[in-house]
Amino acid sequence: MKKLTLFLMLALGSLHQNALSQEPDIELLHNAAERGNVAAQFQLATAYYTGQGVSQNHAEAVKWYL
């Protein structure tokens, strides 16, 4: 049972890390954000804030966060 638990924890951690390391599709997010999709606006703002998939731009991030 302990081995199974350890395996599941490692597998889930690996999946989570892969999800975090993927670059967002900025063009898709930008189009959805402009159409008013709140989730896309937040993801786009976060991408600009962290520089993931785009050049880091805090002013652009603030624009999309607000």
PDB file of N, CA and C in Angstrom:
ATOM      1  N   MET A   1       0.827  -1.201   0.000  1.00  0.00           N
ATOM      2  CA  MET A   1       0.000   0.000   0.000  1.00  0.00           C
ATOM      3  C   MET A   1       0.869   1.262   0.000  1.00  0.00           C
ATOM      4  N   LYS A   2       1.965   1.231   0.775  1.00  0.00           N
ATOM      5  CA  LYS A   2       2.841   2.400   0.831  1.00  0.00           C
ATOM      6  C   LYS A   2       3.495   2.659  -0.525  1.00  0.00           C
ATOM      7  N   LYS A   3       3.858   1.581  -1.219  1.00  0.00           N
ATOM      8  CA  LYS A   3       4.480   1.740  -2.534  1.00  0.00           C
ATOM      9  C   LYS A   3       3.492   2.348  -3.527  1.00  0.00           C
ATOM     10  N   LEU A   4       2.237   1.909  -3.453  1.00  0.00           N
ATOM     11  CA  LEU A   4       1.211   2.443  -4.345  1.00  0.00           C
ATOM     12  C   LEU A   4       0.983   3.928  -4.074  1.00  0.00           C
ATOM     13  N   THR A   5       0.918   4.295  -2.811  1.00  0.00           N
ATOM     14  CA  THR A   5       0.725   5.695  -2.439  1.00  0.00           C
ATOM     15  C   THR A   5       1.885   6.550  -2.934  1.00  0.00           C
ATOM     16  N   LEU A   6       3.108   6.057  -2.735  1.00  0.00           N
ATOM     17  CA  LEU A   6       4.286   6.789  -3.195  1.00  0.00           C
ATOM     18  C   LEU A   6       4.266   6.943  -4.717  1.00  0.00           C
ATOM     19  N   PHE A   7       3.931   5.870  -5.413  1.00  0.00           N
ATOM     20  CA  PHE A   7       3.864   5.918  -6.871  1.00  0.00           C
ATOM     21  C   PHE A   7       2.841   6.949  -7.336  1.00  0.00           C
ATOM     22  N   LEU A   8       1.658   6.934  -6.725  1.00  0.00           N
ATOM     23  CA  LEU A   8       0.609   7.881  -7.119  1.00  0.00           C
ATOM     24  C   LEU A   8       1.027   9.324  -6.849  1.00  0.00           C
ATOM     25  N   MET A   9       1.683   9.561  -5.731  1.00  0.00           N
ATOM     26  CA  MET A   9       2.138  10.913  -5.410  1.00  0.00           C
ATOM     27  C   MET A   9       3.161  11.401  -6.436  1.00  0.00           C
ATOM     28  N   LEU A  10       4.098  10.528  -6.803  1.00  0.00           N
ATOM     29  CA  LEU A  10       5.110  10.905  -7.790  1.00  0.00           C
ATOM     30  C   LEU A  10       4.493  11.121  -9.166  1.00  0.00           C
ATOM     31  N   ALA A  11       3.552  10.266  -9.538  1.00  0.00           N
ATOM     32  CA  ALA A  11       2.904  10.391 -10.844  1.00  0.00           C
ATOM     33  C   ALA A  11       2.104  11.687 -10.929  1.00  0.00           C
ATOM     34  N   LEU A  12       1.344  11.992  -9.894  1.00  0.00           N
ATOM     35  CA  LEU A  12       0.550  13.222  -9.899  1.00  0.00           C
ATOM     36  C   LEU A  12       1.442  14.457  -9.889  1.00  0.00           C
ATOM     37  N   GLY A  13       2.529  14.402  -9.145  1.00  0.00           N
ATOM     38  CA  GLY A  13       3.475  15.517  -9.119  1.00  0.00           C
ATOM     39  C   GLY A  13       4.083  15.762 -10.486  1.00  0.00           C
ATOM     40  N   SER A  14       4.401  14.684 -11.182  1.00  0.00           N
ATOM     41  CA  SER A  14       4.967  14.793 -12.522  1.00  0.00           C
ATOM     42  C   SER A  14       3.958  15.398 -13.499  1.00  0.00           C
ATOM     43  N   LEU A  15       2.717  14.954 -13.428  1.00  0.00           N
ATOM     44  CA  LEU A  15       1.674  15.502 -14.300  1.00  0.00           C
ATOM     45  C   LEU A  15       1.462  16.984 -14.031  1.00  0.00           C
ATOM     46  N   HIS A  16       1.466  17.352 -12.751  1.00  0.00           N
ATOM     47  CA  HIS A  16       1.272  18.749 -12.371  1.00  0.00           C
ATOM     48  C   HIS A  16       2.413  19.606 -12.914  1.00  0.00           C
ATOM     49  N   GLN A  17       3.644  19.120 -12.788  1.00  0.00           N
ATOM     50  CA  GLN A  17       4.796  19.872 -13.277  1.00  0.00           C
ATOM     51  C   GLN A  17       4.735  20.053 -14.788  1.00  0.00           C
ATOM     52  N   ASN A  18       4.317  19.018 -15.509  1.00  0.00           N
ATOM     53  CA  ASN A  18       4.187  19.131 -16.963  1.00  0.00           C
ATOM     54  C   ASN A  18       3.151  20.177 -17.341  1.00  0.00           C
ATOM     55  N   ALA A  19       2.055  20.214 -16.616  1.00  0.00           N
ATOM     56  CA  ALA A  19       1.005  21.194 -16.906  1.00  0.00           C
ATOM     57  C   ALA A  19       1.516  22.612 -16.677  1.00  0.00           C
ATOM     58  N   LEU A  20       2.336  22.796 -15.652  1.00  0.00           N
ATOM     59  CA  LEU A  20       2.857  24.126 -15.353  1.00  0.00           C
ATOM     60  C   LEU A  20       3.906  24.581 -16.358  1.00  0.00           C
ATOM     61  N   SER A  21       4.637  23.650 -16.943  1.00  0.00           N
ATOM     62  CA  SER A  21       5.748  24.022 -17.806  1.00  0.00           C
ATOM     63  C   SER A  21       5.333  24.268 -19.255  1.00  0.00           C
ATOM     64  N   GLN A  22       4.099  24.016 -19.613  1.00  0.00           N
ATOM     65  CA  GLN A  22       3.662  24.214 -20.987  1.00  0.00           C
ATOM     66  C   GLN A  22       3.418  25.689 -21.261  1.00  0.00           C
ATOM     67  N   GLU A  23       3.872  26.120 -22.418  1.00  0.00           N
ATOM     68  CA  GLU A  23       3.678  27.507 -22.828  1.00  0.00           C
ATOM     69  C   GLU A  23       2.218  27.723 -23.231  1.00  0.00           C
ATOM     70  N   PRO A  24       1.619  28.820 -22.796  1.00  0.00           N
ATOM     71  CA  PRO A  24       0.236  29.090 -23.204  1.00  0.00           C
ATOM     72  C   PRO A  24       0.169  29.528 -24.666  1.00  0.00           C
ATOM     73  N   ASP A  25      -0.949  29.299 -25.304  1.00  0.00           N
ATOM     74  CA  ASP A  25      -1.177  29.756 -26.680  1.00  0.00           C
ATOM     75  C   ASP A  25      -1.649  31.211 -26.588  1.00  0.00           C
ATOM     76  N   ILE A  26      -0.708  32.120 -26.701  1.00  0.00           N
ATOM     77  CA  ILE A  26      -0.980  33.535 -26.463  1.00  0.00           C
ATOM     78  C   ILE A  26      -1.999  34.092 -27.449  1.00  0.00           C
ATOM     79  N   GLU A  27      -1.894  33.718 -28.715  1.00  0.00           N
ATOM     80  CA  GLU A  27      -2.844  34.236 -29.710  1.00  0.00           C
ATOM     81  C   GLU A  27      -4.271  33.805 -29.369  1.00  0.00           C
ATOM     82  N   LEU A  28      -4.436  32.552 -28.999  1.00  0.00           N
ATOM     83  CA  LEU A  28      -5.753  32.040 -28.619  1.00  0.00           C
ATOM     84  C   LEU A  28      -6.268  32.749 -27.368  1.00  0.00           C
ATOM     85  N   LEU A  29      -5.402  32.898 -26.369  1.00  0.00           N
ATOM     86  CA  LEU A  29      -5.798  33.597 -25.144  1.00  0.00           C
ATOM     87  C   LEU A  29      -6.175  35.047 -25.436  1.00  0.00           C
ATOM     88  N   HIS A  30      -5.389  35.706 -26.265  1.00  0.00           N
ATOM     89  CA  HIS A  30      -5.645  37.115 -26.575  1.00  0.00           C
ATOM     90  C   HIS A  30      -6.994  37.288 -27.266  1.00  0.00           C
ATOM     91  N   ASN A  31      -7.286  36.422 -28.231  1.00  0.00           N
ATOM     92  CA  ASN A  31      -8.571  36.504 -28.932  1.00  0.00           C
ATOM     93  C   ASN A  31      -9.733  36.275 -27.973  1.00  0.00           C
ATOM     94  N   ALA A  32      -9.617  35.267 -27.118  1.00  0.00           N
ATOM     95  CA  ALA A  32     -10.687  34.979 -26.157  1.00  0.00           C
ATOM     96  C   ALA A  32     -10.816  36.112 -25.144  1.00  0.00           C
ATOM     97  N   ALA A  33      -9.690  36.659 -24.708  1.00  0.00           N
ATOM     98  CA  ALA A  33      -9.711  37.754 -23.733  1.00  0.00           C
ATOM     99  C   ALA A  33     -10.393  38.986 -24.319  1.00  0.00           C
ATOM    100  N   GLU A  34     -10.110  39.289 -25.572  1.00  0.00           N
ATOM    101  CA  GLU A  34     -10.749  40.442 -26.219  1.00  0.00           C
ATOM    102  C   GLU A  34     -12.250  40.255 -26.370  1.00  0.00           C
ATOM    103  N   ARG A  35     -12.704  39.011 -26.453  1.00  0.00           N
ATOM    104  CA  ARG A  35     -14.142  38.727 -26.551  1.00  0.00           C
ATOM    105  C   ARG A  35     -14.814  38.707 -25.177  1.00  0.00           C
ATOM    106  N   GLY A  36     -14.045  38.970 -24.112  1.00  0.00           N
ATOM    107  CA  GLY A  36     -14.630  39.070 -22.787  1.00  0.00           C
ATOM    108  C   GLY A  36     -14.526  37.826 -21.932  1.00  0.00           C
ATOM    109  N   ASN A  37     -13.774  36.830 -22.369  1.00  0.00           N
ATOM    110  CA  ASN A  37     -13.609  35.607 -21.583  1.00  0.00           C
ATOM    111  C   ASN A  37     -12.730  35.924 -20.376  1.00  0.00           C
ATOM    112  N   VAL A  38     -13.332  35.895 -19.187  1.00  0.00           N
ATOM    113  CA  VAL A  38     -12.642  36.300 -17.965  1.00  0.00           C
ATOM    114  C   VAL A  38     -11.478  35.372 -17.640  1.00  0.00           C
ATOM    115  N   ALA A  39     -11.654  34.072 -17.825  1.00  0.00           N
ATOM    116  CA  ALA A  39     -10.576  33.116 -17.547  1.00  0.00           C
ATOM    117  C   ALA A  39      -9.387  33.378 -18.473  1.00  0.00           C
ATOM    118  N   ALA A  40      -9.660  33.673 -19.740  1.00  0.00           N
ATOM    119  CA  ALA A  40      -8.590  33.970 -20.695  1.00  0.00           C
ATOM    120  C   ALA A  40      -7.892  35.276 -20.327  1.00  0.00           C
ATOM    121  N   GLN A  41      -8.658  36.261 -19.863  1.00  0.00           N
ATOM    122  CA  GLN A  41      -8.064  37.526 -19.442  1.00  0.00           C
ATOM    123  C   GLN A  41      -7.096  37.306 -18.287  1.00  0.00           C
ATOM    124  N   PHE A  42      -7.504  36.484 -17.331  1.00  0.00           N
ATOM    125  CA  PHE A  42      -6.650  36.200 -16.181  1.00  0.00           C
ATOM    126  C   PHE A  42      -5.394  35.442 -16.610  1.00  0.00           C
ATOM    127  N   GLN A  43      -5.559  34.432 -17.460  1.00  0.00           N
ATOM    128  CA  GLN A  43      -4.407  33.652 -17.924  1.00  0.00           C
ATOM    129  C   GLN A  43      -3.456  34.507 -18.755  1.00  0.00           C
ATOM    130  N   LEU A  44      -4.000  35.375 -19.579  1.00  0.00           N
ATOM    131  CA  LEU A  44      -3.172  36.261 -20.392  1.00  0.00           C
ATOM    132  C   LEU A  44      -2.409  37.239 -19.498  1.00  0.00           C
ATOM    133  N   ALA A  45      -3.091  37.801 -18.517  1.00  0.00           N
ATOM    134  CA  ALA A  45      -2.431  38.708 -17.579  1.00  0.00           C
ATOM    135  C   ALA A  45      -1.305  38.000 -16.841  1.00  0.00           C
ATOM    136  N   THR A  46      -1.549  36.785 -16.414  1.00  0.00           N
ATOM    137  CA  THR A  46      -0.528  36.012 -15.707  1.00  0.00           C
ATOM    138  C   THR A  46       0.653  35.707 -16.621  1.00  0.00           C
ATOM    139  N   ALA A  47       0.378  35.405 -17.881  1.00  0.00           N
ATOM    140  CA  ALA A  47       1.456  35.146 -18.843  1.00  0.00           C
ATOM    141  C   ALA A  47       2.323  36.394 -19.007  1.00  0.00           C
ATOM    142  N   TYR A  48       1.698  37.555 -19.137  1.00  0.00           N
ATOM    143  CA  TYR A  48       2.467  38.791 -19.258  1.00  0.00           C
ATOM    144  C   TYR A  48       3.229  39.093 -17.969  1.00  0.00           C
ATOM    145  N   TYR A  49       2.627  38.826 -16.835  1.00  0.00           N
ATOM    146  CA  TYR A  49       3.276  39.106 -15.551  1.00  0.00           C
ATOM    147  C   TYR A  49       4.511  38.238 -15.350  1.00  0.00           C
ATOM    148  N   THR A  50       4.398  36.948 -15.703  1.00  0.00           N
ATOM    149  CA  THR A  50       5.506  36.011 -15.486  1.00  0.00           C
ATOM    150  C   THR A  50       6.448  35.911 -16.674  1.00  0.00           C
ATOM    151  N   GLY A  51       6.011  36.379 -17.843  1.00  0.00           N
ATOM    152  CA  GLY A  51       6.822  36.258 -19.043  1.00  0.00           C
ATOM    153  C   GLY A  51       6.778  34.869 -19.651  1.00  0.00           C
ATOM    154  N   GLN A  52       5.721  34.127 -19.364  1.00  0.00           N
ATOM    155  CA  GLN A  52       5.594  32.766 -19.895  1.00  0.00           C
ATOM    156  C   GLN A  52       4.903  32.811 -21.255  1.00  0.00           C
ATOM    157  N   GLY A  53       5.676  32.562 -22.314  1.00  0.00           N
ATOM    158  CA  GLY A  53       5.127  32.560 -23.665  1.00  0.00           C
ATOM    159  C   GLY A  53       5.158  33.919 -24.346  1.00  0.00           C
ATOM    160  N   VAL A  54       5.461  34.963 -23.596  1.00  0.00           N
ATOM    161  CA  VAL A  54       5.555  36.332 -24.119  1.00  0.00           C
ATOM    162  C   VAL A  54       6.680  37.049 -23.382  1.00  0.00           C
ATOM    163  N   SER A  55       7.069  38.206 -23.894  1.00  0.00           N
ATOM    164  CA  SER A  55       8.024  39.029 -23.152  1.00  0.00           C
ATOM    165  C   SER A  55       7.331  39.563 -21.911  1.00  0.00           C
ATOM    166  N   GLN A  56       8.032  39.549 -20.800  1.00  0.00           N
ATOM    167  CA  GLN A  56       7.436  40.027 -19.553  1.00  0.00           C
ATOM    168  C   GLN A  56       7.077  41.504 -19.694  1.00  0.00           C
ATOM    169  N   ASN A  57       5.824  41.838 -19.333  1.00  0.00           N
ATOM    170  CA  ASN A  57       5.332  43.199 -19.494  1.00  0.00           C
ATOM    171  C   ASN A  57       4.295  43.447 -18.403  1.00  0.00           C
ATOM    172  N   HIS A  58       4.737  44.081 -17.317  1.00  0.00           N
ATOM    173  CA  HIS A  58       3.843  44.296 -16.179  1.00  0.00           C
ATOM    174  C   HIS A  58       2.704  45.258 -16.507  1.00  0.00           C
ATOM    175  N   ALA A  59       2.950  46.234 -17.359  1.00  0.00           N
ATOM    176  CA  ALA A  59       1.883  47.171 -17.732  1.00  0.00           C
ATOM    177  C   ALA A  59       0.768  46.439 -18.476  1.00  0.00           C
ATOM    178  N   GLU A  60       1.144  45.550 -19.382  1.00  0.00           N
ATOM    179  CA  GLU A  60       0.147  44.767 -20.123  1.00  0.00           C
ATOM    180  C   GLU A  60      -0.574  43.806 -19.181  1.00  0.00           C
ATOM    181  N   ALA A  61       0.154  43.270 -18.212  1.00  0.00           N
ATOM    182  CA  ALA A  61      -0.459  42.366 -17.232  1.00  0.00           C
ATOM    183  C   ALA A  61      -1.533  43.101 -16.431  1.00  0.00           C
ATOM    184  N   VAL A  62      -1.210  44.304 -15.981  1.00  0.00           N
ATOM    185  CA  VAL A  62      -2.180  45.088 -15.203  1.00  0.00           C
ATOM    186  C   VAL A  62      -3.414  45.377 -16.039  1.00  0.00           C
ATOM    187  N   LYS A  63      -3.215  45.702 -17.314  1.00  0.00           N
ATOM    188  CA  LYS A  63      -4.341  45.976 -18.218  1.00  0.00           C
ATOM    189  C   LYS A  63      -5.314  44.801 -18.235  1.00  0.00           C
ATOM    190  N   TRP A  64      -4.788  43.582 -18.316  1.00  0.00           N
ATOM    191  CA  TRP A  64      -5.658  42.410 -18.404  1.00  0.00           C
ATOM    192  C   TRP A  64      -6.174  41.959 -17.043  1.00  0.00           C
ATOM    193  N   TYR A  65      -5.425  42.233 -15.975  1.00  0.00           N
ATOM    194  CA  TYR A  65      -5.938  41.903 -14.642  1.00  0.00           C
ATOM    195  C   TYR A  65      -7.140  42.776 -14.298  1.00  0.00           C
ATOM    196  N   LEU A  66      -7.133  44.030 -14.774  1.00  0.00           N
ATOM    197  CA  LEU A  66      -8.230  44.941 -14.461  1.00  0.00           C
ATOM    198  C   LEU A  66      -9.273  44.850 -15.538  1.00  0.00           C
TER     199      LEU A  66
END
